[in-house]
Amino acid sequence: MSELPACPECSSPYTYEMGALLVCPECAHEWSGADESDLPTDPIIKDSVGNVLVDGDNVTIVKDLKVKGSPTSIKVGTKVSNIRLVYGNGDHDIDAKVDGFGPMMLKSSVVKKA
Protein backbone atom coordinates (compact mmCIF):
# COMPACT_ATOMS: atom_id res chain seq x y z
CA MET A 1 0.00 0.00 0.00
CA SER A 2 1.35 3.43 -0.91
CA GLU A 3 2.02 6.04 1.74
CA LEU A 4 -0.28 9.06 1.42
CA PRO A 5 1.05 12.54 2.27
CA ALA A 6 0.02 14.32 5.45
CA CYS A 7 -2.60 17.07 5.27
CA PRO A 8 -1.04 20.38 4.17
CA GLU A 9 -3.44 22.32 6.44
CA CYS A 10 -3.23 20.52 9.79
CA SER A 11 -0.46 17.94 9.20
CA SER A 12 -2.74 15.06 10.09
CA PRO A 13 -1.30 11.69 8.98
CA TYR A 14 -4.78 10.17 8.53
CA THR A 15 -5.49 11.31 4.96
CA TYR A 16 -7.42 9.12 2.56
CA GLU A 17 -8.25 9.06 -1.14
CA MET A 18 -11.69 10.00 -2.45
CA GLY A 19 -11.65 9.70 -6.22
CA ALA A 20 -8.93 12.01 -7.57
CA LEU A 21 -8.74 14.01 -4.33
CA LEU A 22 -7.04 13.48 -0.99
CA VAL A 23 -9.13 14.24 2.09
CA CYS A 24 -8.22 14.97 5.70
CA PRO A 25 -10.79 13.52 8.16
CA GLU A 26 -9.72 15.89 10.96
CA CYS A 27 -10.04 19.31 9.26
CA ALA A 28 -12.06 18.27 6.14
CA HIS A 29 -9.48 19.82 3.81
CA GLU A 30 -9.56 18.41 0.24
CA TRP A 31 -6.73 18.74 -2.29
CA SER A 32 -5.43 17.22 -5.46
CA GLY A 33 -2.89 14.52 -4.76
CA ALA A 34 -0.76 15.33 -7.81
CA ASP A 35 1.79 18.11 -7.79
CA GLU A 36 2.46 19.82 -11.13
CA SER A 37 5.88 18.17 -11.13
CA ASP A 38 4.19 14.74 -10.89
CA LEU A 39 1.92 15.26 -13.90
CA PRO A 40 3.01 13.36 -17.02
CA THR A 41 4.43 15.44 -19.84
CA ASP A 42 4.40 14.63 -23.51
CA PRO A 43 7.72 13.39 -24.86
CA ILE A 44 9.77 15.68 -27.09
CA ILE A 45 9.61 14.58 -30.73
CA LYS A 46 12.59 15.42 -32.93
CA ASP A 47 13.06 15.14 -36.69
CA SER A 48 15.83 13.20 -38.45
CA VAL A 49 18.43 15.92 -37.80
CA GLY A 50 17.47 16.70 -34.20
CA ASN A 51 15.13 19.69 -34.57
CA VAL A 52 12.23 19.70 -32.11
CA LEU A 53 8.86 19.33 -33.84
CA VAL A 54 5.60 20.96 -32.71
CA ASP A 55 2.03 20.84 -33.97
CA GLY A 56 1.54 22.87 -37.14
CA ASP A 57 5.15 22.58 -38.39
CA ASN A 58 5.95 22.08 -42.06
CA VAL A 59 8.31 19.19 -42.82
CA THR A 60 10.04 17.61 -45.82
CA ILE A 61 10.41 13.87 -46.46
CA VAL A 62 14.11 12.84 -46.38
CA LYS A 63 13.88 9.35 -47.94
CA ASP A 64 11.66 7.55 -50.42
CA LEU A 65 8.72 5.90 -48.65
CA LYS A 66 6.91 2.91 -50.09
CA VAL A 67 3.18 3.18 -49.54
CA LYS A 68 1.34 -0.07 -48.96
CA GLY A 69 -1.32 -0.60 -51.62
CA SER A 70 0.01 2.12 -53.93
CA PRO A 71 2.15 1.58 -57.04
CA THR A 72 4.07 4.81 -56.39
CA SER A 73 6.11 5.94 -53.42
CA ILE A 74 6.47 9.24 -51.61
CA LYS A 75 9.60 10.85 -53.06
CA VAL A 76 12.43 12.63 -51.25
CA GLY A 77 11.70 16.34 -50.92
CA THR A 78 7.92 16.00 -50.71
CA LYS A 79 6.63 18.81 -48.52
CA VAL A 80 4.09 18.08 -45.82
CA SER A 81 2.45 21.04 -44.11
CA ASN A 82 0.58 21.48 -40.87
CA ILE A 83 1.60 18.25 -39.12
CA ARG A 84 -0.01 17.03 -35.90
CA LEU A 85 2.04 15.15 -33.30
CA VAL A 86 0.51 12.05 -31.74
CA TYR A 87 1.76 10.09 -28.73
CA GLY A 88 1.52 6.44 -27.80
CA ASN A 89 1.09 5.12 -31.34
CA GLY A 90 4.32 3.15 -31.73
CA ASP A 91 7.02 4.79 -33.86
CA HIS A 92 4.53 6.66 -36.04
CA ASP A 93 4.35 9.93 -34.17
CA ILE A 94 3.22 12.35 -36.89
CA ASP A 95 -0.28 12.56 -38.32
CA ALA A 96 -0.32 14.44 -41.63
CA LYS A 97 -1.98 14.80 -44.99
CA VAL A 98 0.49 14.10 -47.79
CA ASP A 99 -0.43 15.62 -51.17
CA GLY A 100 -1.36 12.90 -53.64
CA PHE A 101 -1.59 10.22 -50.94
CA GLY A 102 -4.05 11.56 -48.36
CA PRO A 103 -3.92 11.29 -44.57
CA MET A 104 -1.26 9.03 -43.10
CA MET A 105 0.96 8.45 -40.12
CA LEU A 106 4.69 9.17 -40.50
CA LYS A 107 7.75 8.49 -38.40
CA SER A 108 9.69 11.51 -37.22
CA SER A 109 12.90 9.78 -38.36
CA VAL A 110 11.94 10.22 -42.04
CA VAL A 111 11.15 13.95 -41.97
CA LYS A 112 13.13 17.18 -41.65
CA LYS A 113 11.70 20.46 -40.41
CA ALA A 114 11.22 22.84 -43.35
C-alpha atoms as a PDB file:
ATOM      1  CA  MET A   1       0.000   0.000   0.000  1.00  0.00           C
ATOM      2  CA  SER A   2       1.353   3.431  -0.913  1.00  0.00           C
ATOM      3  CA  GLU A   3       2.020   6.041   1.738  1.00  0.00           C
ATOM      4  CA  LEU A   4      -0.278   9.056   1.421  1.00  0.00           C
ATOM      5  CA  PRO A   5       1.051  12.539   2.273  1.00  0.00           C
ATOM      6  CA  ALA A   6       0.019  14.318   5.454  1.00  0.00           C
ATOM      7  CA  CYS A   7      -2.603  17.066   5.274  1.00  0.00           C
ATOM      8  CA  PRO A   8      -1.039  20.375   4.166  1.00  0.00           C
ATOM      9  CA  GLU A   9      -3.437  22.322   6.443  1.00  0.00           C
ATOM     10  CA  CYS A  10      -3.233  20.522   9.792  1.00  0.00           C
ATOM     11  CA  SER A  11      -0.456  17.939   9.196  1.00  0.00           C
ATOM     12  CA  SER A  12      -2.740  15.060  10.087  1.00  0.00           C
ATOM     13  CA  PRO A  13      -1.297  11.686   8.977  1.00  0.00           C
ATOM     14  CA  TYR A  14      -4.782  10.166   8.533  1.00  0.00           C
ATOM     15  CA  THR A  15      -5.486  11.314   4.965  1.00  0.00           C
ATOM     16  CA  TYR A  16      -7.425   9.121   2.557  1.00  0.00           C
ATOM     17  CA  GLU A  17      -8.255   9.062  -1.138  1.00  0.00           C
ATOM     18  CA  MET A  18     -11.691  10.000  -2.454  1.00  0.00           C
ATOM     19  CA  GLY A  19     -11.648   9.704  -6.223  1.00  0.00           C
ATOM     20  CA  ALA A  20      -8.932  12.014  -7.569  1.00  0.00           C
ATOM     21  CA  LEU A  21      -8.745  14.010  -4.332  1.00  0.00           C
ATOM     22  CA  LEU A  22      -7.040  13.479  -0.991  1.00  0.00           C
ATOM     23  CA  VAL A  23      -9.131  14.243   2.090  1.00  0.00           C
ATOM     24  CA  CYS A  24      -8.225  14.972   5.696  1.00  0.00           C
ATOM     25  CA  PRO A  25     -10.793  13.522   8.160  1.00  0.00           C
ATOM     26  CA  GLU A  26      -9.719  15.885  10.957  1.00  0.00           C
ATOM     27  CA  CYS A  27     -10.036  19.306   9.256  1.00  0.00           C
ATOM     28  CA  ALA A  28     -12.062  18.269   6.137  1.00  0.00           C
ATOM     29  CA  HIS A  29      -9.481  19.817   3.805  1.00  0.00           C
ATOM     30  CA  GLU A  30      -9.555  18.406   0.244  1.00  0.00           C
ATOM     31  CA  TRP A  31      -6.730  18.741  -2.287  1.00  0.00           C
ATOM     32  CA  SER A  32      -5.430  17.217  -5.464  1.00  0.00           C
ATOM     33  CA  GLY A  33      -2.889  14.518  -4.762  1.00  0.00           C
ATOM     34  CA  ALA A  34      -0.757  15.326  -7.806  1.00  0.00           C
ATOM     35  CA  ASP A  35       1.790  18.108  -7.792  1.00  0.00           C
ATOM     36  CA  GLU A  36       2.455  19.816 -11.128  1.00  0.00           C
ATOM     37  CA  SER A  37       5.882  18.171 -11.134  1.00  0.00           C
ATOM     38  CA  ASP A  38       4.193  14.745 -10.885  1.00  0.00           C
ATOM     39  CA  LEU A  39       1.922  15.255 -13.903  1.00  0.00           C
ATOM     40  CA  PRO A  40       3.009  13.360 -17.024  1.00  0.00           C
ATOM     41  CA  THR A  41       4.435  15.435 -19.838  1.00  0.00           C
ATOM     42  CA  ASP A  42       4.398  14.631 -23.513  1.00  0.00           C
ATOM     43  CA  PRO A  43       7.719  13.392 -24.860  1.00  0.00           C
ATOM     44  CA  ILE A  44       9.765  15.680 -27.090  1.00  0.00           C
ATOM     45  CA  ILE A  45       9.606  14.582 -30.728  1.00  0.00           C
ATOM     46  CA  LYS A  46      12.586  15.415 -32.934  1.00  0.00           C
ATOM     47  CA  ASP A  47      13.060  15.139 -36.692  1.00  0.00           C
ATOM     48  CA  SER A  48      15.831  13.198 -38.453  1.00  0.00           C
ATOM     49  CA  VAL A  49      18.433  15.924 -37.804  1.00  0.00           C
ATOM     50  CA  GLY A  50      17.466  16.700 -34.201  1.00  0.00           C
ATOM     51  CA  ASN A  51      15.134  19.694 -34.565  1.00  0.00           C
ATOM     52  CA  VAL A  52      12.229  19.705 -32.113  1.00  0.00           C
ATOM     53  CA  LEU A  53       8.861  19.332 -33.835  1.00  0.00           C
ATOM     54  CA  VAL A  54       5.604  20.958 -32.713  1.00  0.00           C
ATOM     55  CA  ASP A  55       2.025  20.838 -33.965  1.00  0.00           C
ATOM     56  CA  GLY A  56       1.545  22.872 -37.141  1.00  0.00           C
ATOM     57  CA  ASP A  57       5.145  22.585 -38.387  1.00  0.00           C
ATOM     58  CA  ASN A  58       5.953  22.076 -42.062  1.00  0.00           C
ATOM     59  CA  VAL A  59       8.307  19.188 -42.824  1.00  0.00           C
ATOM     60  CA  THR A  60      10.043  17.612 -45.821  1.00  0.00           C
ATOM     61  CA  ILE A  61      10.413  13.867 -46.464  1.00  0.00           C
ATOM     62  CA  VAL A  62      14.110  12.841 -46.382  1.00  0.00           C
ATOM     63  CA  LYS A  63      13.879   9.349 -47.935  1.00  0.00           C
ATOM     64  CA  ASP A  64      11.656   7.550 -50.416  1.00  0.00           C
ATOM     65  CA  LEU A  65       8.721   5.899 -48.647  1.00  0.00           C
ATOM     66  CA  LYS A  66       6.907   2.912 -50.091  1.00  0.00           C
ATOM     67  CA  VAL A  67       3.179   3.184 -49.535  1.00  0.00           C
ATOM     68  CA  LYS A  68       1.344  -0.072 -48.961  1.00  0.00           C
ATOM     69  CA  GLY A  69      -1.316  -0.595 -51.622  1.00  0.00           C
ATOM     70  CA  SER A  70       0.009   2.120 -53.933  1.00  0.00           C
ATOM     71  CA  PRO A  71       2.154   1.576 -57.044  1.00  0.00           C
ATOM     72  CA  THR A  72       4.070   4.806 -56.393  1.00  0.00           C
ATOM     73  CA  SER A  73       6.110   5.940 -53.421  1.00  0.00           C
ATOM     74  CA  ILE A  74       6.469   9.244 -51.614  1.00  0.00           C
ATOM     75  CA  LYS A  75       9.595  10.852 -53.059  1.00  0.00           C
ATOM     76  CA  VAL A  76      12.429  12.626 -51.247  1.00  0.00           C
ATOM     77  CA  GLY A  77      11.696  16.337 -50.919  1.00  0.00           C
ATOM     78  CA  THR A  78       7.916  16.002 -50.707  1.00  0.00           C
ATOM     79  CA  LYS A  79       6.633  18.812 -48.521  1.00  0.00           C
ATOM     80  CA  VAL A  80       4.086  18.081 -45.825  1.00  0.00           C
ATOM     81  CA  SER A  81       2.448  21.037 -44.109  1.00  0.00           C
ATOM     82  CA  ASN A  82       0.578  21.480 -40.868  1.00  0.00           C
ATOM     83  CA  ILE A  83       1.598  18.255 -39.115  1.00  0.00           C
ATOM     84  CA  ARG A  84      -0.006  17.034 -35.898  1.00  0.00           C
ATOM     85  CA  LEU A  85       2.037  15.152 -33.302  1.00  0.00           C
ATOM     86  CA  VAL A  86       0.509  12.053 -31.737  1.00  0.00           C
ATOM     87  CA  TYR A  87       1.759  10.094 -28.733  1.00  0.00           C
ATOM     88  CA  GLY A  88       1.515   6.438 -27.798  1.00  0.00           C
ATOM     89  CA  ASN A  89       1.093   5.122 -31.341  1.00  0.00           C
ATOM     90  CA  GLY A  90       4.319   3.147 -31.730  1.00  0.00           C
ATOM     91  CA  ASP A  91       7.021   4.787 -33.862  1.00  0.00           C
ATOM     92  CA  HIS A  92       4.535   6.656 -36.044  1.00  0.00           C
ATOM     93  CA  ASP A  93       4.350   9.932 -34.166  1.00  0.00           C
ATOM     94  CA  ILE A  94       3.220  12.355 -36.892  1.00  0.00           C
ATOM     95  CA  ASP A  95      -0.279  12.560 -38.321  1.00  0.00           C
ATOM     96  CA  ALA A  96      -0.318  14.436 -41.629  1.00  0.00           C
ATOM     97  CA  LYS A  97      -1.985  14.800 -44.991  1.00  0.00           C
ATOM     98  CA  VAL A  98       0.486  14.098 -47.795  1.00  0.00           C
ATOM     99  CA  ASP A  99      -0.430  15.616 -51.172  1.00  0.00           C
ATOM    100  CA  GLY A 100      -1.357  12.901 -53.639  1.00  0.00           C
ATOM    101  CA  PHE A 101      -1.592  10.215 -50.939  1.00  0.00           C
ATOM    102  CA  GLY A 102      -4.053  11.561 -48.357  1.00  0.00           C
ATOM    103  CA  PRO A 103      -3.916  11.295 -44.574  1.00  0.00           C
ATOM    104  CA  MET A 104      -1.265   9.026 -43.104  1.00  0.00           C
ATOM    105  CA  MET A 105       0.958   8.445 -40.116  1.00  0.00           C
ATOM    106  CA  LEU A 106       4.687   9.175 -40.496  1.00  0.00           C
ATOM    107  CA  LYS A 107       7.748   8.488 -38.404  1.00  0.00           C
ATOM    108  CA  SER A 108       9.689  11.509 -37.219  1.00  0.00           C
ATOM    109  CA  SER A 109      12.899   9.777 -38.359  1.00  0.00           C
ATOM    110  CA  VAL A 110      11.935  10.222 -42.039  1.00  0.00           C
ATOM    111  CA  VAL A 111      11.154  13.951 -41.973  1.00  0.00           C
ATOM    112  CA  LYS A 112      13.130  17.176 -41.653  1.00  0.00           C
ATOM    113  CA  LYS A 113      11.702  20.460 -40.407  1.00  0.00           C
ATOM    114  CA  ALA A 114      11.223  22.838 -43.354  1.00  0.00           C
END
